[in-house]
N, C-alpha and C. Protein backbone atom coordinates (compact mmCIF):
# COMPACT_ATOMS: atom_id res chain seq x y z
N UNK A 1 -40.43 -6.68 -13.65
CA UNK A 1 -39.91 -7.58 -12.65
C UNK A 1 -40.38 -7.13 -11.27
N UNK A 2 -40.83 -8.06 -10.48
CA UNK A 2 -41.30 -7.79 -9.12
C UNK A 2 -40.10 -7.85 -8.18
N UNK A 3 -39.71 -6.71 -7.61
CA UNK A 3 -38.54 -6.69 -6.72
C UNK A 3 -38.82 -7.35 -5.38
N UNK A 4 -40.07 -7.73 -5.11
CA UNK A 4 -40.38 -8.41 -3.87
C UNK A 4 -40.30 -9.93 -4.02
N UNK A 5 -40.02 -10.41 -5.21
CA UNK A 5 -39.85 -11.84 -5.45
C UNK A 5 -38.35 -12.12 -5.58
N UNK A 6 -37.81 -13.02 -4.76
CA UNK A 6 -36.38 -13.30 -4.88
C UNK A 6 -36.03 -13.81 -6.28
N UNK A 7 -34.98 -13.25 -6.85
CA UNK A 7 -34.46 -13.70 -8.13
C UNK A 7 -33.20 -14.51 -7.81
N UNK A 8 -33.35 -15.83 -7.77
CA UNK A 8 -32.28 -16.72 -7.35
C UNK A 8 -31.27 -16.91 -8.48
N UNK A 9 -29.99 -16.92 -8.11
CA UNK A 9 -28.93 -17.26 -9.06
C UNK A 9 -27.95 -18.19 -8.36
N UNK A 10 -27.46 -19.14 -9.12
CA UNK A 10 -26.54 -20.12 -8.57
C UNK A 10 -25.15 -19.50 -8.42
N UNK A 11 -24.49 -19.83 -7.34
CA UNK A 11 -23.15 -19.31 -7.10
C UNK A 11 -22.21 -19.71 -8.22
N UNK A 12 -21.35 -18.78 -8.64
CA UNK A 12 -20.37 -19.09 -9.67
C UNK A 12 -19.32 -20.08 -9.17
N UNK A 13 -19.23 -20.25 -7.87
CA UNK A 13 -18.27 -21.19 -7.28
C UNK A 13 -18.87 -22.58 -7.06
N UNK A 14 -20.15 -22.75 -7.33
CA UNK A 14 -20.78 -24.05 -7.17
C UNK A 14 -20.27 -24.99 -8.25
N UNK A 15 -20.01 -26.20 -7.87
CA UNK A 15 -19.52 -27.19 -8.83
C UNK A 15 -20.61 -27.61 -9.79
N UNK A 16 -20.23 -28.12 -10.92
CA UNK A 16 -21.18 -28.59 -11.93
C UNK A 16 -21.63 -30.01 -11.72
N UNK A 17 -21.22 -30.63 -10.62
CA UNK A 17 -21.53 -32.03 -10.38
C UNK A 17 -22.76 -32.23 -9.51
N UNK A 18 -23.52 -31.19 -9.23
CA UNK A 18 -24.70 -31.31 -8.38
C UNK A 18 -24.36 -31.35 -6.91
N UNK A 19 -23.13 -31.06 -6.57
CA UNK A 19 -22.68 -31.12 -5.18
C UNK A 19 -22.99 -29.85 -4.41
N UNK A 20 -21.99 -29.30 -3.80
CA UNK A 20 -22.13 -28.15 -2.91
C UNK A 20 -22.57 -26.89 -3.65
N UNK A 21 -23.86 -26.72 -3.80
CA UNK A 21 -24.38 -25.59 -4.55
C UNK A 21 -25.21 -24.68 -3.65
N UNK A 22 -25.00 -23.39 -3.79
CA UNK A 22 -25.85 -22.43 -3.11
C UNK A 22 -26.41 -21.46 -4.12
N UNK A 23 -27.56 -20.91 -3.78
CA UNK A 23 -28.20 -19.89 -4.59
C UNK A 23 -28.31 -18.63 -3.75
N UNK A 24 -28.17 -17.50 -4.41
CA UNK A 24 -28.22 -16.21 -3.74
C UNK A 24 -29.27 -15.34 -4.43
N UNK A 25 -30.06 -14.65 -3.63
CA UNK A 25 -31.01 -13.65 -4.15
C UNK A 25 -30.63 -12.32 -3.51
N UNK A 26 -30.11 -11.41 -4.33
CA UNK A 26 -29.69 -10.11 -3.79
C UNK A 26 -30.44 -8.95 -4.43
N UNK A 27 -31.63 -9.24 -4.92
CA UNK A 27 -32.44 -8.20 -5.57
C UNK A 27 -33.47 -7.56 -4.64
N UNK A 28 -33.54 -8.00 -3.40
CA UNK A 28 -34.53 -7.46 -2.47
C UNK A 28 -33.92 -6.33 -1.66
N UNK A 29 -34.69 -5.29 -1.38
CA UNK A 29 -34.15 -4.17 -0.60
C UNK A 29 -33.81 -4.57 0.83
N UNK A 30 -32.55 -4.33 1.23
CA UNK A 30 -32.15 -4.52 2.61
C UNK A 30 -31.86 -5.94 3.06
N UNK A 31 -31.88 -6.92 2.15
CA UNK A 31 -31.64 -8.30 2.56
C UNK A 31 -31.02 -9.09 1.40
N UNK A 32 -30.13 -10.01 1.76
CA UNK A 32 -29.57 -10.98 0.80
C UNK A 32 -29.96 -12.35 1.33
N UNK A 33 -30.57 -13.16 0.47
CA UNK A 33 -31.02 -14.50 0.84
C UNK A 33 -30.07 -15.54 0.26
N UNK A 34 -29.84 -16.62 1.02
CA UNK A 34 -28.97 -17.71 0.57
C UNK A 34 -29.68 -19.02 0.92
N UNK A 35 -29.66 -19.96 -0.05
CA UNK A 35 -30.28 -21.27 0.20
C UNK A 35 -29.49 -22.36 -0.50
N UNK A 36 -29.75 -23.59 -0.10
CA UNK A 36 -29.14 -24.78 -0.69
C UNK A 36 -29.90 -25.13 -1.96
N UNK A 37 -29.19 -25.23 -3.08
CA UNK A 37 -29.82 -25.53 -4.36
C UNK A 37 -30.55 -26.86 -4.32
N UNK A 38 -29.98 -27.85 -3.63
CA UNK A 38 -30.57 -29.18 -3.59
C UNK A 38 -31.81 -29.25 -2.70
N UNK A 39 -31.98 -28.28 -1.82
CA UNK A 39 -33.11 -28.29 -0.88
C UNK A 39 -33.68 -26.88 -0.73
N UNK A 40 -34.28 -26.34 -1.80
CA UNK A 40 -34.74 -24.95 -1.75
C UNK A 40 -35.84 -24.68 -0.73
N UNK A 41 -36.54 -25.71 -0.30
CA UNK A 41 -37.58 -25.53 0.71
C UNK A 41 -37.05 -25.78 2.12
N UNK A 42 -35.77 -26.10 2.24
CA UNK A 42 -35.19 -26.49 3.53
C UNK A 42 -34.79 -25.34 4.43
N UNK A 43 -34.95 -24.13 3.98
CA UNK A 43 -34.60 -22.98 4.81
C UNK A 43 -33.76 -21.99 4.04
N UNK A 44 -33.77 -20.76 4.50
CA UNK A 44 -33.06 -19.68 3.84
C UNK A 44 -32.33 -18.85 4.88
N UNK A 45 -31.07 -18.57 4.61
CA UNK A 45 -30.31 -17.67 5.47
C UNK A 45 -30.56 -16.24 5.01
N UNK A 46 -30.66 -15.32 5.96
CA UNK A 46 -30.88 -13.90 5.67
C UNK A 46 -29.68 -13.10 6.15
N UNK A 47 -29.14 -12.26 5.28
CA UNK A 47 -28.01 -11.39 5.60
C UNK A 47 -28.36 -9.96 5.28
N UNK A 48 -27.78 -9.03 6.02
CA UNK A 48 -27.84 -7.64 5.56
C UNK A 48 -26.87 -7.53 4.39
N UNK A 49 -27.09 -6.59 3.48
CA UNK A 49 -26.15 -6.45 2.36
C UNK A 49 -24.71 -6.24 2.80
N UNK A 50 -24.48 -5.45 3.86
CA UNK A 50 -23.10 -5.22 4.31
C UNK A 50 -22.50 -6.49 4.91
N UNK A 51 -23.28 -7.26 5.63
CA UNK A 51 -22.78 -8.53 6.18
C UNK A 51 -22.44 -9.50 5.05
N UNK A 52 -23.28 -9.55 4.03
CA UNK A 52 -23.02 -10.43 2.89
C UNK A 52 -21.74 -10.02 2.17
N UNK A 53 -21.54 -8.72 1.95
CA UNK A 53 -20.31 -8.24 1.30
C UNK A 53 -19.09 -8.64 2.13
N UNK A 54 -19.18 -8.50 3.45
CA UNK A 54 -18.07 -8.89 4.33
C UNK A 54 -17.79 -10.38 4.23
N UNK A 55 -18.83 -11.19 4.21
CA UNK A 55 -18.66 -12.64 4.08
C UNK A 55 -17.99 -13.00 2.76
N UNK A 56 -18.46 -12.44 1.65
CA UNK A 56 -17.90 -12.73 0.34
C UNK A 56 -16.44 -12.29 0.27
N UNK A 57 -16.15 -11.12 0.82
CA UNK A 57 -14.77 -10.63 0.82
C UNK A 57 -13.85 -11.57 1.60
N UNK A 58 -14.28 -12.01 2.77
CA UNK A 58 -13.49 -12.93 3.57
C UNK A 58 -13.33 -14.27 2.85
N UNK A 59 -14.40 -14.77 2.25
CA UNK A 59 -14.32 -16.04 1.51
C UNK A 59 -13.32 -15.94 0.36
N UNK A 60 -13.27 -14.82 -0.31
CA UNK A 60 -12.30 -14.63 -1.39
C UNK A 60 -10.87 -14.65 -0.85
N UNK A 61 -10.67 -14.06 0.32
CA UNK A 61 -9.34 -14.04 0.92
C UNK A 61 -8.87 -15.43 1.34
N UNK A 62 -9.80 -16.20 1.87
CA UNK A 62 -9.47 -17.56 2.36
C UNK A 62 -9.25 -18.50 1.18
N UNK A 63 -10.08 -18.37 0.17
CA UNK A 63 -9.97 -19.23 -0.99
C UNK A 63 -10.72 -20.54 -0.81
N UNK A 64 -10.60 -21.43 -1.79
CA UNK A 64 -11.33 -22.71 -1.75
C UNK A 64 -10.91 -23.56 -0.55
N UNK A 65 -11.89 -24.28 -0.01
CA UNK A 65 -11.66 -25.18 1.11
C UNK A 65 -11.87 -26.59 0.61
N UNK A 66 -10.97 -27.47 0.94
CA UNK A 66 -11.16 -28.86 0.59
C UNK A 66 -10.41 -29.35 -0.54
């Protein structure tokens, strides 16, 4: 496996209806990538691993929105 190629995985919280889906690639050293499943060429957010962990922790505390 090439660690320089993002290994995308769909969020476990993404709905099965093709709606609000995000993909995360956390296999690269020093960066976590996030993109919209419906528009993979539309742009990618870049996080440091510690920032991503903080975001996920806060999202778990807040819970589902909507």
